[in-house]
Amino acid sequence: MAAGRTRGDRPKRRYSSRLPVEQRTEQLLDSALRLVAESGFGAVSMHAVARHSGVTRPVAYDCFAGRDDLLAALVNREQARMRAVFAGTAAGASAAAEPAAPDAPAEEGARRRDQPTETLRTFLTAVRDAPDTWRLLYTPPATVPDEPRQQLRATRAELLALLRTEFTGYAEAHGLPPDLDTDVAVHLLRAIVEMAGQRVLLDPDRYPPERMTAALGAVLDAFSPPVSSP
């Protein structure tokens, strides 16, 4: 022992403050999400999550039975957050796809025309505000454990279904050619949406939601038939 130093001089180990189980669970999930965002699902273990949260492994095991249980809870939570965004955009798309009354104001027609870009803006704003959540959709499937992989696959399918519903309503409202291959068009639209989300994740300063939605609006205007004056 160093001269002049007694056992009582040793620094005390720092312990995390006690939290209610619900708050501790959220803290552990936040840590797991950060680890996935930084290094992928392979970086997640009960030890790594506990250490990232500043707690011991027994504390982590008080909240989750093990790694699989933790990952399932993580993806369930983030999936619910994504679905909340999808639900909000779906509500707007349904309203925009409804035929306008003959005496509807011009603003209503403009709102229907702008719906695709507004939907993209909503999606990209969510991506910008919660990047770790949305990075899950861009994680290579081969690196994701089986159960979370199936959950994320279902989320991607929900996004595709939302785009299909929205594009179909948009095409009908704008009189796009009836022989338009909707299936191919929807997949092209999904590619645009996913690319835009990826740009926002990788470089939000260069590719903010406003820039990406303006570009989509220009593309739609180029291919949409002119709107007749009342």
Protein backbone atom coordinates (compact mmCIF):
# COMPACT_ATOMS: atom_id res chain seq x y z
CA MET A 1 0.00 0.00 0.00
CA ALA A 2 1.34 3.46 -0.86
CA ALA A 3 2.87 5.39 2.02
CA GLY A 4 0.45 7.64 3.79
CA ARG A 5 -2.59 5.95 2.24
CA THR A 6 -4.98 3.89 4.29
CA ARG A 7 -7.67 1.46 3.24
CA GLY A 8 -10.25 4.12 3.93
CA ASP A 9 -8.62 6.38 1.31
CA ARG A 10 -9.63 4.11 -1.57
CA PRO A 11 -12.18 5.68 -3.89
CA LYS A 12 -15.62 4.25 -3.43
CA ARG A 13 -17.23 2.39 -6.31
CA ARG A 14 -19.90 4.41 -8.05
CA TYR A 15 -23.31 2.80 -8.14
CA SER A 16 -26.21 3.79 -10.34
CA SER A 17 -29.11 5.35 -8.49
CA ARG A 18 -32.11 3.13 -7.90
CA LEU A 19 -34.90 3.59 -10.41
CA PRO A 20 -38.40 2.12 -10.74
CA VAL A 21 -38.42 -0.97 -12.93
CA GLU A 22 -40.23 0.85 -15.73
CA GLN A 23 -37.63 3.61 -15.90
CA ARG A 24 -34.75 1.17 -15.63
CA THR A 25 -36.22 -0.91 -18.43
CA GLU A 26 -36.41 2.13 -20.69
CA GLN A 27 -32.84 3.07 -19.79
CA LEU A 28 -31.59 -0.39 -20.73
CA LEU A 29 -33.54 -0.34 -23.99
CA ASP A 30 -32.08 3.07 -24.82
CA SER A 31 -28.60 1.68 -24.24
CA ALA A 32 -29.31 -1.36 -26.40
CA LEU A 33 -30.61 0.86 -29.19
CA ARG A 34 -27.47 3.01 -29.04
CA LEU A 35 -25.26 -0.06 -29.22
CA VAL A 36 -27.15 -1.37 -32.25
CA ALA A 37 -26.90 2.02 -33.96
CA GLU A 38 -23.16 2.22 -33.30
CA SER A 39 -22.05 -1.35 -33.89
CA GLY A 40 -24.97 -3.56 -34.93
CA PHE A 41 -26.96 -6.24 -33.14
CA GLY A 42 -23.81 -8.27 -32.51
CA ALA A 43 -22.64 -5.63 -30.04
CA VAL A 44 -25.62 -6.22 -27.76
CA SER A 45 -25.12 -8.44 -24.74
CA MET A 46 -26.50 -8.21 -21.23
CA HIS A 47 -23.03 -7.23 -20.00
CA ALA A 48 -22.58 -4.54 -22.67
CA VAL A 49 -26.03 -3.05 -22.08
CA ALA A 50 -25.55 -3.04 -18.31
CA ARG A 51 -22.16 -1.38 -18.63
CA HIS A 52 -23.48 1.22 -21.06
CA SER A 53 -26.29 1.98 -18.59
CA GLY A 54 -23.95 2.20 -15.62
CA VAL A 55 -25.52 -0.74 -13.79
CA THR A 56 -24.51 -4.27 -12.90
CA ARG A 57 -25.64 -7.33 -14.81
CA PRO A 58 -27.98 -8.48 -12.02
CA VAL A 59 -29.84 -5.19 -12.39
CA ALA A 60 -30.21 -5.83 -16.13
CA TYR A 61 -31.42 -9.37 -15.44
CA ASP A 62 -34.03 -7.96 -13.08
CA CYS A 63 -35.64 -6.37 -16.16
CA PHE A 64 -34.96 -8.95 -18.88
CA ALA A 65 -34.57 -12.72 -18.86
CA GLY A 66 -31.66 -12.50 -21.28
CA ARG A 67 -30.39 -11.05 -24.56
CA ASP A 68 -33.20 -12.47 -26.70
CA ASP A 69 -35.82 -11.06 -24.35
CA LEU A 70 -34.12 -7.66 -24.39
CA LEU A 71 -33.83 -7.54 -28.19
CA ALA A 72 -37.45 -8.55 -28.63
CA ALA A 73 -38.55 -5.77 -26.28
CA LEU A 74 -36.29 -3.29 -28.07
CA VAL A 75 -37.64 -4.02 -31.52
CA ASN A 76 -41.22 -4.07 -30.20
CA ARG A 77 -40.75 -0.58 -28.76
CA GLU A 78 -39.12 0.86 -31.88
CA GLN A 79 -41.64 -0.86 -34.12
CA ALA A 80 -44.45 0.82 -32.18
CA ARG A 81 -42.77 4.19 -32.68
CA MET A 82 -42.47 3.60 -36.42
CA ARG A 83 -46.08 2.48 -36.65
CA ALA A 84 -47.20 5.68 -34.94
CA VAL A 85 -45.54 7.63 -37.75
CA PHE A 86 -47.09 5.36 -40.37
CA ALA A 87 -50.52 5.79 -38.78
CA GLY A 88 -50.21 9.57 -38.91
CA THR A 89 -49.21 9.59 -42.57
CA ALA A 90 -51.90 7.03 -43.44
CA ALA A 91 -54.58 9.26 -41.91
CA GLY A 92 -53.44 12.19 -43.99
CA ALA A 93 -53.25 10.08 -47.14
CA SER A 94 -56.79 8.74 -46.66
CA ALA A 95 -58.17 12.23 -46.24
CA ALA A 96 -56.28 13.49 -49.27
CA ALA A 97 -57.46 10.63 -51.48
CA GLU A 98 -61.15 11.36 -50.90
CA PRO A 99 -62.80 13.03 -53.90
CA ALA A 100 -63.23 16.72 -53.38
CA ALA A 101 -66.69 18.26 -53.48
CA PRO A 102 -67.47 20.33 -56.59
CA ASP A 103 -67.48 23.49 -54.53
CA ALA A 104 -64.37 22.60 -52.52
CA PRO A 105 -61.93 25.49 -52.20
CA ALA A 106 -58.75 25.51 -54.24
CA GLU A 107 -56.77 24.95 -51.06
CA GLU A 108 -58.31 21.48 -50.72
CA GLY A 109 -57.17 20.49 -54.18
CA ALA A 110 -53.69 21.79 -53.45
CA ARG A 111 -53.61 19.77 -50.25
CA ARG A 112 -54.38 16.58 -52.16
CA ARG A 113 -51.70 17.36 -54.71
CA ASP A 114 -49.15 17.99 -51.99
CA GLN A 115 -49.97 14.88 -49.95
CA PRO A 116 -47.09 12.67 -51.20
CA THR A 117 -44.50 15.29 -50.37
CA GLU A 118 -46.13 15.96 -47.00
CA THR A 119 -46.02 12.25 -46.24
CA LEU A 120 -42.34 12.13 -47.15
CA ARG A 121 -41.71 15.21 -45.03
CA THR A 122 -43.38 13.55 -42.03
CA PHE A 123 -41.35 10.38 -42.51
CA LEU A 124 -38.03 12.18 -42.96
CA THR A 125 -38.67 14.47 -40.01
CA ALA A 126 -39.21 11.38 -37.86
CA VAL A 127 -35.96 9.91 -39.24
CA ARG A 128 -34.07 13.11 -38.46
CA ASP A 129 -35.50 13.39 -34.94
CA ALA A 130 -34.98 9.72 -33.95
CA PRO A 131 -32.17 8.41 -36.17
CA ASP A 132 -31.31 5.40 -34.01
CA THR A 133 -34.87 4.11 -34.30
CA TRP A 134 -34.98 4.34 -38.07
CA ARG A 135 -31.50 2.91 -38.58
CA LEU A 136 -33.06 -0.42 -37.65
CA LEU A 137 -34.80 -0.47 -41.04
CA TYR A 138 -31.45 -0.09 -42.77
CA THR A 139 -29.65 -2.80 -40.82
CA PRO A 140 -28.54 -5.65 -43.15
CA PRO A 141 -31.01 -8.49 -42.48
CA ALA A 142 -28.23 -11.08 -42.33
CA THR A 143 -26.83 -9.34 -39.23
CA VAL A 144 -30.14 -9.33 -37.34
CA PRO A 145 -31.22 -12.23 -35.09
CA ASP A 146 -34.16 -14.23 -36.37
CA GLU A 147 -37.05 -12.84 -34.32
CA PRO A 148 -36.09 -9.15 -34.66
CA ARG A 149 -35.46 -9.77 -38.37
CA GLN A 150 -39.02 -11.02 -38.82
CA GLN A 151 -40.36 -8.02 -36.89
CA LEU A 152 -38.41 -5.54 -39.01
CA ARG A 153 -39.47 -7.34 -42.19
CA ALA A 154 -43.10 -6.86 -41.12
CA THR A 155 -42.43 -3.15 -40.53
CA ARG A 156 -40.96 -2.77 -44.02
CA ALA A 157 -44.04 -4.51 -45.43
CA GLU A 158 -46.26 -2.02 -43.59
CA LEU A 159 -44.34 0.87 -45.12
CA LEU A 160 -44.79 -0.64 -48.58
CA ALA A 161 -48.53 -1.12 -47.97
CA LEU A 162 -48.84 2.50 -46.86
CA LEU A 163 -47.08 3.71 -50.00
CA ARG A 164 -49.28 1.50 -52.17
CA THR A 165 -52.46 2.88 -50.59
CA GLU A 166 -51.26 6.44 -50.88
CA PHE A 167 -50.05 6.15 -54.46
CA THR A 168 -53.26 4.47 -55.60
CA GLY A 169 -55.34 7.27 -54.12
CA TYR A 170 -53.00 9.89 -55.54
CA ALA A 171 -53.19 8.36 -59.04
CA GLU A 172 -56.98 8.29 -58.95
CA ALA A 173 -57.26 11.84 -57.63
CA HIS A 174 -54.90 13.21 -60.27
CA GLY A 175 -56.12 11.23 -63.26
CA LEU A 176 -52.87 9.42 -63.93
CA PRO A 177 -53.02 7.02 -66.90
CA PRO A 178 -55.16 3.95 -66.08
CA ASP A 179 -52.58 1.65 -67.68
CA LEU A 180 -49.89 2.86 -65.29
CA ASP A 181 -48.13 -0.13 -63.71
CA THR A 182 -48.96 0.67 -60.10
CA ASP A 183 -46.94 -2.23 -58.71
CA VAL A 184 -43.72 -1.03 -60.34
CA ALA A 185 -44.51 2.60 -59.51
CA VAL A 186 -44.98 1.76 -55.82
CA HIS A 187 -41.64 -0.06 -55.65
CA LEU A 188 -39.97 2.91 -57.33
CA LEU A 189 -41.60 5.20 -54.79
CA ARG A 190 -40.39 2.98 -51.95
CA ALA A 191 -36.86 3.16 -53.36
CA ILE A 192 -37.10 6.96 -53.35
CA VAL A 193 -38.41 7.03 -49.78
CA GLU A 194 -35.74 4.63 -48.52
CA MET A 195 -32.98 6.51 -50.33
CA ALA A 196 -34.22 9.80 -48.91
CA GLY A 197 -34.29 8.33 -45.40
CA GLN A 198 -30.77 7.03 -45.82
CA ARG A 199 -29.51 10.42 -46.98
CA VAL A 200 -31.07 12.09 -43.94
CA LEU A 201 -29.47 9.51 -41.65
CA LEU A 202 -26.02 9.83 -43.19
CA ASP A 203 -25.87 13.58 -43.73
CA PRO A 204 -28.85 15.47 -42.25
CA ASP A 205 -27.18 18.86 -42.73
CA ARG A 206 -26.69 18.36 -46.46
CA TYR A 207 -29.93 16.46 -47.02
CA PRO A 208 -32.57 17.92 -44.68
CA PRO A 209 -36.20 16.76 -45.05
CA GLU A 210 -37.10 20.03 -46.80
CA ARG A 211 -34.58 19.46 -49.59
CA MET A 212 -35.66 15.88 -50.18
CA THR A 213 -39.38 16.67 -50.21
CA ALA A 214 -38.85 19.58 -52.60
CA ALA A 215 -37.05 17.22 -54.98
CA LEU A 216 -39.88 14.68 -54.83
CA GLY A 217 -42.42 17.44 -55.43
CA ALA A 218 -40.53 18.53 -58.55
CA VAL A 219 -40.48 14.95 -59.87
CA LEU A 220 -44.22 14.48 -59.28
CA ASP A 221 -44.99 17.82 -60.93
CA ALA A 222 -43.00 16.77 -63.99
CA PHE A 223 -45.01 13.59 -64.48
CA SER A 224 -48.45 14.69 -63.29
CA PRO A 225 -51.01 16.05 -65.75
CA PRO A 226 -51.74 19.76 -65.42
CA VAL A 227 -54.50 20.71 -63.01
CA SER A 228 -57.40 22.30 -64.85
CA SER A 229 -58.66 25.63 -63.64
CA PRO A 230 -62.15 25.69 -62.10
